[in-house]
Amino acid sequence: MKKFQIVILIFCLSFFGFLAFQNSRVNADASDNVFGWAWSENIGWISFNCNNSELPEPRCNIDYGVDIDEATGDFSGYAWSENVGWISFEASDLSGCEYPDSTHGCSAWVDMLNGEVSGWAKVLCSDSWIRLRDTDYGVDIDIDTGEFHKWAWSDDYGWISFNCFEGGPDGENICGASDYKVVTTVPFLSMPYIEDLTFSPNYCTEVAGKGHISLEWKYKNDSGNAQAKFNLQVAANPAKNPDGTFVDPLVNFEDVVRVVSPDGECTSCIVVVLSPSGPQDIFYNDHYYWQVQVEDVLGLASVWKGGPEFDTPLHPYPYPDFTLLPESPSVGEEIQLCSTLGVDCVEDVSVCYNAAGGAISCTGNAFEWTIPDASFIDSDDSSENPKIQFDALGDGKVIKLGITDSIGFCAREKLFDISLPLPNWKEVIPF
């Protein structure tokens, strides 16, 4: 191979002057996002940008460089070697390679998610191919630092090293003797991910027997791409399929559109009921697992991320409610508050629950009334059905009732308008 290389080198050297003036062909420029040097024992130093700091001033009299498209990962442009001339990464120069890729053909490209470089480059003067990846070797880019690593191969020129970190004959670090590398400033894509998964239960809602649980997470994406949608699952059985989904989810939200900026919070709600009948319902008195997967605006999906497990209560929390007699009270008038069935109250208005989830009277549980601007009559704020009177008129007077049973406390308030007392009429003889 060495004799063949010498012939190639002599042939190429005769064309350097010609190639140096073919600026129409060397159409990259100093703004390209790949810099630095690669090394080959047979080619020598390979410059990836005319603006490399090691080159003498003035730089870029001949404007060249290699570029990576930020959106596609496709390479373009030219590198330069004093020994073999232009090395092309231009797609128009790269046809007829031995093993073209089904998608990219012979072009050089990098996976913008993992930094794996594939495809081919070509030494133009000798028409020699440089393969950037095969089954047992390949060039990689560290997506955090932008540094190229490892090796490419040419049947005519042998191994080409992209970083001194593994540039020795046996892949050892030789940076102490020769500090070189190829680097790119292209921003790589990052998969979206999830942090800070939390759940917030609320078992005191406006509907008797129903609770809400808010499931919340923080959307993260180091590439700055927003969340476009999410998938959410809740299950009583933690068993999973090979794709990470629950085997038997009770709640399964798919492709829910919700745009969230990186570092933003996203919340979804599930409902706790005695007999689930809807797509977001779960049972009382059970243990649950939940997980979320997010997808960004580019269609890149995160792995499934599990939130903290949680238990639902034995049964629904109390549902405080009450009526007033009379319904439109006035200042100083005696008012009967009715929450449970009693002497002056004809029905149970508040609802409590037994261990089986059945609705029962709240009688016997702890009551707590809060009524500003009112006085209790022969009762107090812990009575089930107290009698009160308001001491001052006004609109929007608040009456609040809280009930505590064996598992929890809920409170509910209503607003009432307190009017002036009705006038007392006294019949008199008109004459």
Protein backbone atom coordinates (compact mmCIF):
# COMPACT_ATOMS: atom_id res chain seq x y z
CA MET A 1 0.00 0.00 0.00
CA LYS A 2 2.90 2.40 0.75
CA LYS A 3 4.13 2.36 -2.89
CA PHE A 4 0.61 3.17 -4.03
CA GLN A 5 0.40 5.98 -1.52
CA ILE A 6 3.68 7.50 -2.76
CA VAL A 7 2.36 7.50 -6.33
CA ILE A 8 -0.83 9.16 -5.15
CA LEU A 9 1.10 11.79 -3.21
CA ILE A 10 3.28 12.69 -6.20
CA PHE A 11 0.20 12.93 -8.39
CA CYS A 12 -1.64 15.11 -5.87
CA LEU A 13 1.30 17.46 -5.29
CA SER A 14 1.32 18.34 -8.97
CA PHE A 15 -2.21 19.67 -8.61
CA PHE A 16 -1.98 21.67 -5.37
CA GLY A 17 -1.43 24.97 -7.10
CA PHE A 18 -4.36 24.34 -9.39
CA LEU A 19 -6.68 23.31 -6.54
CA ALA A 20 -5.69 26.25 -4.37
CA PHE A 21 -7.21 28.63 -6.90
CA GLN A 22 -10.46 26.72 -7.35
CA ASN A 23 -12.40 28.84 -4.86
CA SER A 24 -15.59 28.09 -6.74
CA ARG A 25 -15.14 24.52 -5.62
CA VAL A 26 -13.91 25.23 -2.10
CA ASN A 27 -17.13 26.97 -1.14
CA ALA A 28 -17.14 26.68 2.69
CA ASP A 29 -16.20 29.74 4.73
CA ALA A 30 -14.61 30.75 8.02
CA SER A 31 -17.98 30.91 9.77
CA ASP A 32 -18.32 27.12 9.61
CA ASN A 33 -18.88 25.38 12.93
CA VAL A 34 -16.18 22.70 12.78
CA PHE A 35 -12.60 23.57 13.83
CA GLY A 36 -9.31 21.96 14.71
CA TRP A 37 -7.10 19.20 13.43
CA ALA A 38 -7.12 15.47 12.72
CA TRP A 39 -3.98 13.36 12.24
CA SER A 40 -2.94 10.48 9.99
CA GLU A 41 0.50 8.89 9.75
CA ASN A 42 0.11 8.77 5.97
CA ILE A 43 -1.73 12.06 5.35
CA GLY A 44 -0.30 14.16 8.19
CA TRP A 45 -2.27 17.06 9.69
CA ILE A 46 -5.78 17.73 8.41
CA SER A 47 -7.17 21.23 9.03
CA PHE A 48 -10.94 21.52 9.31
CA ASN A 49 -11.12 25.32 9.20
CA CYS A 50 -8.98 28.04 7.64
CA ASN A 51 -9.47 30.07 10.81
CA ASN A 52 -7.75 27.56 13.11
CA SER A 53 -5.70 29.51 15.62
CA GLU A 54 -2.53 27.54 14.85
CA LEU A 55 -2.47 28.76 11.23
CA PRO A 56 -0.33 31.82 10.41
CA GLU A 57 -1.84 35.24 9.75
CA PRO A 58 -3.43 36.31 7.54
CA ARG A 59 -5.82 33.38 7.70
CA CYS A 60 -8.51 32.36 5.24
CA ASN A 61 -6.95 33.81 2.10
CA ILE A 62 -8.46 30.65 0.74
CA ASP A 63 -11.73 30.39 2.62
CA TYR A 64 -12.50 26.80 3.61
CA GLY A 65 -14.04 24.85 6.44
CA VAL A 66 -16.38 22.02 7.38
CA ASP A 67 -19.90 22.71 8.62
CA ILE A 68 -22.64 20.67 10.29
CA ASP A 69 -26.25 21.61 9.59
CA GLU A 70 -27.90 22.29 12.97
CA ALA A 71 -31.27 20.96 11.83
CA THR A 72 -30.27 17.82 9.89
CA GLY A 73 -26.75 16.92 11.10
CA ASP A 74 -25.49 16.84 7.48
CA PHE A 75 -21.82 17.72 6.87
CA SER A 76 -20.69 20.05 4.12
CA GLY A 77 -17.54 21.89 3.09
CA TYR A 78 -13.87 20.99 2.84
CA ALA A 79 -10.90 20.13 5.05
CA TRP A 80 -7.28 20.65 3.93
CA SER A 81 -4.10 18.60 4.11
CA GLU A 82 -0.74 19.90 2.88
CA ASN A 83 0.05 16.37 1.73
CA VAL A 84 -3.13 15.30 -0.10
CA GLY A 85 -5.04 18.55 -0.65
CA TRP A 86 -8.78 18.99 -0.34
CA ILE A 87 -10.85 16.49 1.60
CA SER A 88 -14.48 16.95 0.68
CA PHE A 89 -17.56 16.62 2.87
CA GLU A 90 -19.77 18.05 0.11
CA ALA A 91 -22.66 15.78 -0.86
CA SER A 92 -22.13 16.64 -4.54
CA ASP A 93 -18.64 15.11 -4.38
CA LEU A 94 -19.72 11.99 -2.51
CA SER A 95 -21.37 9.60 -4.92
CA GLY A 96 -20.32 6.08 -5.78
CA CYS A 97 -19.05 4.92 -2.38
CA GLU A 98 -18.91 1.21 -1.74
CA TYR A 99 -21.59 1.07 0.96
CA PRO A 100 -24.10 3.91 0.60
CA ASP A 101 -26.62 4.46 3.38
CA SER A 102 -30.28 3.93 2.47
CA THR A 103 -31.19 7.41 3.72
CA HIS A 104 -28.06 9.54 3.37
CA GLY A 105 -26.33 7.81 0.48
CA CYS A 106 -22.57 8.46 0.73
CA SER A 107 -22.91 11.80 2.53
CA ALA A 108 -21.37 12.43 5.94
CA TRP A 109 -23.81 13.11 8.77
CA VAL A 110 -24.08 13.00 12.54
CA ASP A 111 -26.94 11.77 14.67
CA MET A 112 -27.94 14.96 16.50
CA LEU A 113 -29.10 12.98 19.51
CA ASN A 114 -26.14 10.71 20.24
CA GLY A 115 -23.24 12.25 18.27
CA GLU A 116 -22.47 9.21 16.10
CA VAL A 117 -20.86 10.28 12.81
CA SER A 118 -21.54 8.15 9.73
CA GLY A 119 -21.00 8.27 5.99
CA TRP A 120 -17.97 9.18 3.93
CA ALA A 121 -15.50 11.92 2.99
CA LYS A 122 -13.26 11.95 -0.07
CA VAL A 123 -9.69 13.01 -0.88
CA LEU A 124 -10.42 14.79 -4.13
CA CYS A 125 -7.05 14.65 -5.85
CA SER A 126 -6.74 10.88 -5.47
CA ASP A 127 -10.44 10.03 -5.44
CA SER A 128 -9.77 8.11 -2.21
CA TRP A 129 -12.63 7.41 0.18
CA ILE A 130 -12.56 7.96 3.94
CA ARG A 131 -15.14 5.94 5.82
CA LEU A 132 -16.37 7.55 9.03
CA ARG A 133 -18.14 4.55 10.57
CA ASP A 134 -18.26 0.78 10.14
CA THR A 135 -19.39 -2.03 12.41
CA ASP A 136 -16.19 -2.05 14.51
CA TYR A 137 -15.04 1.60 14.39
CA GLY A 138 -16.42 5.08 13.95
CA VAL A 139 -16.08 8.77 14.73
CA ASP A 140 -18.16 10.10 17.64
CA ILE A 141 -18.87 13.65 18.80
CA ASP A 142 -19.31 14.32 22.50
CA ILE A 143 -22.69 16.10 22.52
CA ASP A 144 -21.76 17.99 25.69
CA THR A 145 -18.34 19.30 24.67
CA GLY A 146 -18.52 19.15 20.85
CA GLU A 147 -15.21 17.25 20.69
CA PHE A 148 -14.73 14.63 17.97
CA HIS A 149 -13.30 11.29 19.13
CA LYS A 150 -11.95 8.03 17.74
CA TRP A 151 -11.03 7.05 14.20
CA ALA A 152 -11.98 7.01 10.52
CA TRP A 153 -10.47 4.66 7.92
CA SER A 154 -9.23 4.98 4.35
CA ASP A 155 -8.20 1.97 2.28
CA ASP A 156 -5.54 4.17 0.67
CA TYR A 157 -4.29 6.15 3.70
CA GLY A 158 -5.14 4.06 6.75
CA TRP A 159 -6.38 5.34 10.11
CA ILE A 160 -7.25 8.98 10.74
CA SER A 161 -7.44 10.11 14.38
CA PHE A 162 -9.80 12.93 15.40
CA ASN A 163 -8.59 13.41 18.98
CA CYS A 164 -5.27 12.95 20.79
CA PHE A 165 -7.22 11.49 23.72
CA GLU A 166 -7.15 8.11 21.98
CA GLY A 167 -4.68 8.99 19.23
CA GLY A 168 -1.87 6.58 20.16
CA PRO A 169 -1.11 3.38 18.21
CA ASP A 170 -3.05 1.33 20.73
CA GLY A 171 -5.70 3.97 21.37
CA GLU A 172 -3.88 5.56 24.30
CA ASN A 173 -3.96 9.21 25.30
CA ILE A 174 -1.07 11.13 23.67
CA CYS A 175 -2.32 14.68 24.38
CA GLY A 176 0.74 15.36 26.53
CA ALA A 177 2.97 14.95 23.47
CA SER A 178 0.62 16.26 20.76
CA ASP A 179 -2.51 18.13 21.77
CA TYR A 180 -4.96 18.04 18.84
CA LYS A 181 -8.66 17.49 18.27
CA VAL A 182 -11.53 18.35 15.97
CA VAL A 183 -14.32 20.33 17.64
CA THR A 184 -17.73 21.62 16.61
CA THR A 185 -19.88 24.36 18.08
CA VAL A 186 -23.10 22.95 16.63
CA PRO A 187 -25.80 22.65 19.33
CA PHE A 188 -26.86 19.04 19.61
CA LEU A 189 -30.40 17.96 20.32
CA SER A 190 -31.36 16.72 23.74
CA MET A 191 -34.15 14.33 24.54
CA PRO A 192 -36.84 15.88 26.72
CA TYR A 193 -36.99 14.64 30.28
CA ILE A 194 -39.05 15.07 33.43
CA GLU A 195 -38.22 16.15 36.97
CA ASP A 196 -40.05 16.93 40.23
CA LEU A 197 -43.07 14.67 39.84
CA THR A 198 -45.60 15.39 42.59
CA PHE A 199 -49.22 14.64 43.39
CA SER A 200 -51.66 16.89 45.24
CA PRO A 201 -54.93 15.33 46.47
CA ASN A 202 -58.11 17.28 47.13
CA TYR A 203 -60.91 15.24 48.64
CA CYS A 204 -63.16 18.23 49.33
CA THR A 205 -64.84 19.13 46.05
CA GLU A 206 -68.16 20.60 45.03
CA VAL A 207 -69.50 17.14 44.23
CA ALA A 208 -70.30 14.73 47.06
CA GLY A 209 -68.21 11.56 47.00
CA LYS A 210 -65.72 12.83 44.42
CA GLY A 211 -62.06 13.70 44.96
CA HIS A 212 -59.45 15.19 42.65
CA ILE A 213 -55.75 14.37 42.45
CA SER A 214 -53.46 16.73 40.54
CA LEU A 215 -50.41 15.04 39.03
CA GLU A 216 -47.68 17.55 38.27
CA TRP A 217 -44.20 17.48 36.77
CA LYS A 218 -41.51 19.86 35.54
CA TYR A 219 -40.77 19.64 31.83
CA LYS A 220 -37.06 19.80 30.95
CA ASN A 221 -35.29 20.10 27.61
CA ASP A 222 -31.66 21.17 27.34
CA SER A 223 -32.14 22.02 23.66
CA GLY A 224 -34.76 24.62 24.54
CA ASN A 225 -37.61 22.88 22.70
CA ALA A 226 -41.05 23.15 24.28
CA GLN A 227 -43.25 20.28 25.35
CA ALA A 228 -45.91 19.61 22.71
CA LYS A 229 -47.85 16.75 24.30
CA PHE A 230 -47.75 14.16 27.04
CA ASN A 231 -48.88 10.63 27.87
CA LEU A 232 -49.97 9.74 31.41
CA GLN A 233 -50.87 6.41 33.00
CA VAL A 234 -52.20 5.43 36.42
CA ALA A 235 -52.41 1.77 37.47
CA ALA A 236 -53.01 -0.33 40.55
CA ASN A 237 -50.61 -2.96 39.17
CA PRO A 238 -46.99 -1.84 38.58
CA ALA A 239 -46.29 -4.52 35.94
CA LYS A 240 -45.00 -3.03 32.68
CA ASN A 241 -44.76 -3.93 29.01
CA PRO A 242 -41.40 -3.97 27.20
CA ASP A 243 -42.06 -0.43 25.93
CA GLY A 244 -42.36 0.87 29.50
CA THR A 245 -46.15 1.25 29.57
CA PHE A 246 -48.27 -0.29 32.32
CA VAL A 247 -49.77 -3.67 31.48
CA ASP A 248 -53.18 -2.78 32.90
CA PRO A 249 -53.58 1.01 33.29
CA LEU A 250 -56.77 2.27 34.85
CA VAL A 251 -56.10 5.77 33.48
CA ASN A 252 -54.38 6.11 30.11
CA PHE A 253 -54.10 9.60 28.60
CA GLU A 254 -52.50 9.46 25.16
CA ASP A 255 -51.10 12.35 23.11
CA VAL A 256 -52.61 15.09 25.26
CA VAL A 257 -51.66 18.39 23.60
CA ARG A 258 -50.14 20.73 26.18
CA VAL A 259 -47.44 23.25 25.21
CA VAL A 260 -45.03 23.90 28.08
CA SER A 261 -41.71 25.76 27.94
CA PRO A 262 -38.59 24.11 29.40
CA ASP A 263 -38.54 24.36 33.21
CA GLY A 264 -42.31 24.92 33.15
CA GLU A 265 -44.87 22.98 35.20
CA CYS A 266 -47.45 20.72 33.61
CA THR A 267 -50.45 19.36 35.51
CA SER A 268 -53.05 16.72 34.77
CA CYS A 269 -55.98 15.69 36.94
CA ILE A 270 -57.54 12.35 37.80
CA VAL A 271 -60.80 11.82 39.66
CA VAL A 272 -61.40 9.58 42.67
CA VAL A 273 -64.91 8.11 42.77
CA LEU A 274 -66.68 5.16 44.36
CA SER A 275 -67.43 3.48 41.02
CA PRO A 276 -65.12 4.58 38.19
CA SER A 277 -66.93 5.00 34.91
CA GLY A 278 -64.86 7.55 32.99
CA PRO A 279 -61.38 7.49 31.38
CA GLN A 280 -59.81 9.46 34.24
CA ASP A 281 -61.49 7.78 37.24
CA ILE A 282 -59.85 5.70 39.96
CA PHE A 283 -61.19 4.01 43.12
CA TYR A 284 -61.14 4.91 46.75
CA ASN A 285 -59.30 2.56 49.11
CA ASP A 286 -56.51 1.48 46.76
CA HIS A 287 -52.78 1.92 46.09
CA TYR A 288 -51.69 3.49 42.82
CA TYR A 289 -48.66 3.94 40.57
CA TRP A 290 -48.37 6.63 37.91
CA GLN A 291 -45.97 7.67 35.20
CA VAL A 292 -45.56 10.33 32.53
CA GLN A 293 -43.92 10.53 29.12
CA VAL A 294 -43.45 13.87 27.37
CA GLU A 295 -42.84 14.74 23.72
CA ASP A 296 -41.25 17.92 22.42
CA VAL A 297 -42.17 19.98 19.37
CA LEU A 298 -39.71 17.99 17.24
CA GLY A 299 -41.47 14.74 18.09
CA LEU A 300 -38.72 13.49 20.42
CA ALA A 301 -40.15 11.56 23.36
CA SER A 302 -38.75 11.09 26.84
CA VAL A 303 -38.57 7.79 28.65
CA TRP A 304 -41.47 7.02 30.97
CA LYS A 305 -40.89 8.63 34.36
CA GLY A 306 -42.69 7.38 37.47
CA GLY A 307 -44.07 9.66 40.15
CA PRO A 308 -44.47 8.91 43.86
CA GLU A 309 -46.90 6.12 44.66
CA PHE A 310 -50.03 7.11 46.57
CA ASP A 311 -53.01 5.69 48.43
CA THR A 312 -56.57 6.88 48.10
CA PRO A 313 -58.68 7.20 51.30
CA LEU A 314 -60.82 4.40 52.67
CA HIS A 315 -63.94 6.25 51.54
CA PRO A 316 -64.97 9.79 50.48
CA TYR A 317 -64.46 12.68 52.86
CA PRO A 318 -67.48 14.39 54.46
CA TYR A 319 -69.56 16.65 52.25
CA PRO A 320 -70.76 19.55 54.43
CA ASP A 321 -73.99 21.27 53.42
CA PHE A 322 -76.82 23.12 55.11
CA THR A 323 -80.00 25.13 54.62
CA LEU A 324 -81.43 28.21 56.33
CA LEU A 325 -84.93 28.66 57.73
CA PRO A 326 -86.06 31.19 56.72
CA GLU A 327 -84.20 31.26 53.39
CA SER A 328 -84.03 35.07 53.29
CA PRO A 329 -83.12 36.15 56.83
CA SER A 330 -83.12 39.61 58.28
CA VAL A 331 -81.20 41.31 61.10
CA GLY A 332 -82.15 40.02 64.54
CA GLU A 333 -84.35 37.26 63.17
CA GLU A 334 -84.00 33.72 64.58
CA ILE A 335 -82.48 31.47 61.91
CA GLN A 336 -82.45 27.69 61.99
CA LEU A 337 -79.37 26.11 60.32
CA CYS A 338 -80.07 22.54 59.19
CA SER A 339 -77.25 20.13 58.38
CA THR A 340 -78.58 16.82 59.72
CA LEU A 341 -82.00 15.33 60.35
CA GLY A 342 -83.27 16.69 63.67
CA VAL A 343 -86.15 18.19 65.64
CA ASP A 344 -86.52 21.25 63.45
CA CYS A 345 -84.73 19.86 60.37
CA VAL A 346 -86.49 17.48 58.01
CA GLU A 347 -83.51 15.80 56.25
CA ASP A 348 -79.79 15.09 56.21
CA VAL A 349 -78.29 17.78 54.02
CA SER A 350 -74.64 16.97 54.74
CA VAL A 351 -73.34 13.59 53.57
CA CYS A 352 -70.82 11.31 55.24
CA TYR A 353 -69.65 7.80 54.31
CA ASN A 354 -69.09 4.45 55.97
CA ALA A 355 -66.15 2.06 55.46
CA ALA A 356 -67.91 0.43 52.51
CA GLY A 357 -68.34 3.81 50.81
CA GLY A 358 -72.06 4.05 51.47
CA ALA A 359 -73.64 7.47 52.09
CA ILE A 360 -74.72 7.97 55.70
CA SER A 361 -75.77 10.77 58.03
CA CYS A 362 -73.06 12.98 59.48
CA THR A 363 -74.71 12.88 62.90
CA GLY A 364 -72.19 12.15 65.63
CA ASN A 365 -69.19 13.61 63.82
CA ALA A 366 -67.40 16.83 64.75
CA PHE A 367 -69.06 20.04 63.47
CA GLU A 368 -67.45 23.45 63.27
CA TRP A 369 -69.44 26.54 62.29
CA THR A 370 -67.82 29.88 61.42
CA ILE A 371 -70.35 32.73 61.18
CA PRO A 372 -69.05 36.31 61.48
CA ASP A 373 -71.48 39.00 62.71
CA ALA A 374 -73.84 36.43 64.23
CA SER A 375 -74.82 35.13 67.66
CA PHE A 376 -75.73 31.57 68.59
CA ILE A 377 -79.10 31.04 70.31
CA ASP A 378 -79.21 28.13 72.81
CA SER A 379 -76.39 26.41 70.84
CA ASP A 380 -72.75 26.90 69.88
CA ASP A 381 -70.36 26.57 66.94
CA SER A 382 -70.08 22.79 67.42
CA SER A 383 -73.81 22.06 67.17
CA GLU A 384 -75.13 20.05 64.26
CA ASN A 385 -78.16 22.27 63.69
CA PRO A 386 -77.64 25.55 65.56
CA LYS A 387 -79.97 28.51 65.77
CA ILE A 388 -78.42 31.93 65.14
CA GLN A 389 -79.28 35.54 64.52
CA PHE A 390 -77.32 38.13 62.57
CA ASP A 391 -76.35 41.29 64.42
CA ALA A 392 -75.81 43.45 61.36
CA LEU A 393 -77.25 43.68 57.90
CA GLY A 394 -75.16 43.30 54.74
CA ASP A 395 -74.75 41.46 51.46
CA GLY A 396 -72.53 38.41 51.11
CA LYS A 397 -72.49 37.32 54.73
CA VAL A 398 -70.45 34.10 55.04
CA ILE A 399 -71.64 30.98 56.80
CA LYS A 400 -69.03 28.21 56.84
CA LEU A 401 -69.49 24.62 58.02
CA GLY A 402 -66.67 22.12 58.56
CA ILE A 403 -67.17 18.44 59.37
CA THR A 404 -64.51 15.99 60.57
CA ASP A 405 -65.13 12.25 60.37
CA SER A 406 -62.79 9.31 61.09
CA ILE A 407 -60.53 9.98 58.06
CA GLY A 408 -60.67 13.65 57.20
CA PHE A 409 -62.05 17.16 57.34
CA CYS A 410 -63.89 19.21 54.74
CA ALA A 411 -65.48 22.65 54.93
CA ARG A 412 -67.94 24.48 52.76
CA GLU A 413 -69.23 28.03 52.84
CA LYS A 414 -72.24 29.87 51.45
CA LEU A 415 -73.03 33.55 51.07
CA PHE A 416 -76.27 35.17 52.19
CA ASP A 417 -77.74 38.67 52.13
CA ILE A 418 -79.05 39.89 55.48
CA SER A 419 -81.80 42.47 55.07
CA LEU A 420 -83.51 44.92 57.37
CA PRO A 421 -86.20 43.44 59.58
CA LEU A 422 -89.71 43.58 58.26
CA PRO A 423 -91.86 46.39 59.76
CA ASN A 424 -94.30 45.48 62.53
CA TRP A 425 -97.84 46.40 61.51
CA LYS A 426 -100.38 47.43 64.10
CA GLU A 427 -104.01 47.72 63.15
CA VAL A 428 -105.61 50.98 64.35
CA ILE A 429 -109.06 52.46 64.05
CA PRO A 430 -108.96 54.92 61.16
CA PHE A 431 -111.34 57.35 62.91
